[in-house]
Amino acid sequence: MQGDGATQKGPGTADDRSTSFRAVEGGNQMQSGEKLLVEAYAVIWIVVVVFVVSMFRRQRRLDRQITSLEAALDKARQKGEGG
């Protein structure tokens, strides 16, 4: 009885296919490693710049809030001393 997959001719087992290289005709999906490296660095720098800008904007907003709270405290102190 020779019906098992090991003796059949054809594409082979999944293990055989996973270790052998077969070129694919058609399609152009090759990209150079250099291009991918540059794209990866660009994405990383964009993320870093967006993060730094958002932190800068948050810090400015916090500085304005602190200034307004300090002014409110000064006003409350003057009111408390005068009354």
Protein backbone atom coordinates (compact mmCIF):
# COMPACT_ATOMS: atom_id res chain seq x y z
CA MET A 1 0.00 0.00 0.00
CA GLN A 2 1.73 3.15 -1.20
CA GLY A 3 -0.93 5.75 -0.47
CA ASP A 4 0.99 7.63 2.21
CA GLY A 5 2.32 11.14 1.52
CA ALA A 6 6.00 10.16 1.81
CA THR A 7 6.01 8.00 -1.33
CA GLN A 8 3.87 10.24 -3.54
CA LYS A 9 5.59 12.39 -6.09
CA GLY A 10 4.60 16.03 -6.20
CA PRO A 11 5.15 19.12 -4.10
CA GLY A 12 6.33 17.12 -1.06
CA THR A 13 5.44 17.50 2.56
CA ALA A 14 5.01 20.78 4.35
CA ASP A 15 8.43 20.35 5.95
CA ASP A 16 10.06 19.86 2.55
CA ARG A 17 8.38 22.95 1.15
CA SER A 18 9.36 25.10 4.13
CA THR A 19 13.09 24.38 3.71
CA SER A 20 13.37 24.73 -0.04
CA PHE A 21 13.46 27.97 -1.99
CA ARG A 22 11.24 28.35 -5.00
CA ALA A 23 11.40 31.49 -7.07
CA VAL A 24 8.08 33.09 -7.85
CA GLU A 25 7.60 34.31 -11.36
CA GLY A 26 5.83 37.57 -11.92
CA GLY A 27 5.25 40.14 -9.21
CA ASN A 28 7.85 42.64 -8.12
CA GLN A 29 7.88 42.61 -4.36
CA MET A 30 11.61 42.93 -3.82
CA GLN A 31 12.73 45.98 -1.88
CA SER A 32 16.28 46.87 -1.02
CA GLY A 33 17.34 46.61 2.59
CA GLU A 34 18.80 50.10 2.39
CA LYS A 35 15.45 51.59 1.41
CA LEU A 36 13.69 49.73 4.22
CA LEU A 37 16.30 50.94 6.72
CA VAL A 38 15.85 54.55 5.65
CA GLU A 39 12.07 54.21 5.85
CA ALA A 40 12.30 52.69 9.34
CA TYR A 41 14.54 55.51 10.57
CA ALA A 42 12.20 58.09 9.03
CA VAL A 43 9.21 56.59 10.83
CA ILE A 44 11.12 56.53 14.12
CA TRP A 45 12.18 60.18 13.75
CA ILE A 46 8.66 61.25 12.85
CA VAL A 47 7.31 59.52 15.97
CA VAL A 48 10.02 61.15 18.13
CA VAL A 49 9.36 64.62 16.71
CA VAL A 50 5.59 64.28 17.19
CA PHE A 51 6.16 63.13 20.78
CA VAL A 52 8.53 66.02 21.58
CA VAL A 53 6.20 68.60 20.03
CA SER A 54 3.22 67.24 21.96
CA MET A 55 5.22 67.31 25.21
CA PHE A 56 6.30 70.88 24.48
CA ARG A 57 2.68 71.94 23.92
CA ARG A 58 1.55 70.19 27.11
CA GLN A 59 4.33 71.89 29.06
CA ARG A 60 3.30 75.31 27.77
CA ARG A 61 -0.31 74.61 28.74
CA LEU A 62 0.77 73.51 32.21
CA ASP A 63 2.93 76.63 32.60
CA ARG A 64 -0.08 78.82 31.75
CA GLN A 65 -2.26 76.94 34.24
CA ILE A 66 0.37 77.26 36.98
CA THR A 67 0.73 80.98 36.28
CA SER A 68 -3.02 81.47 36.48
CA LEU A 69 -3.22 79.45 39.73
CA GLU A 70 -0.38 81.47 41.24
CA ALA A 71 -2.19 84.68 40.30
CA ALA A 72 -5.39 83.36 41.87
CA LEU A 73 -3.50 82.43 45.05
CA ASP A 74 -1.87 85.85 45.24
CA LYS A 75 -5.27 87.49 44.80
CA ALA A 76 -6.79 85.28 47.52
CA ARG A 77 -3.91 86.08 49.89
CA GLN A 78 -4.30 89.81 49.33
CA LYS A 79 -8.02 89.53 49.90
CA GLY A 80 -7.46 87.55 53.10
CA GLU A 81 -4.91 90.05 54.44
CA GLY A 82 -7.04 93.06 53.61
CA GLY A 83 -10.30 91.73 55.06
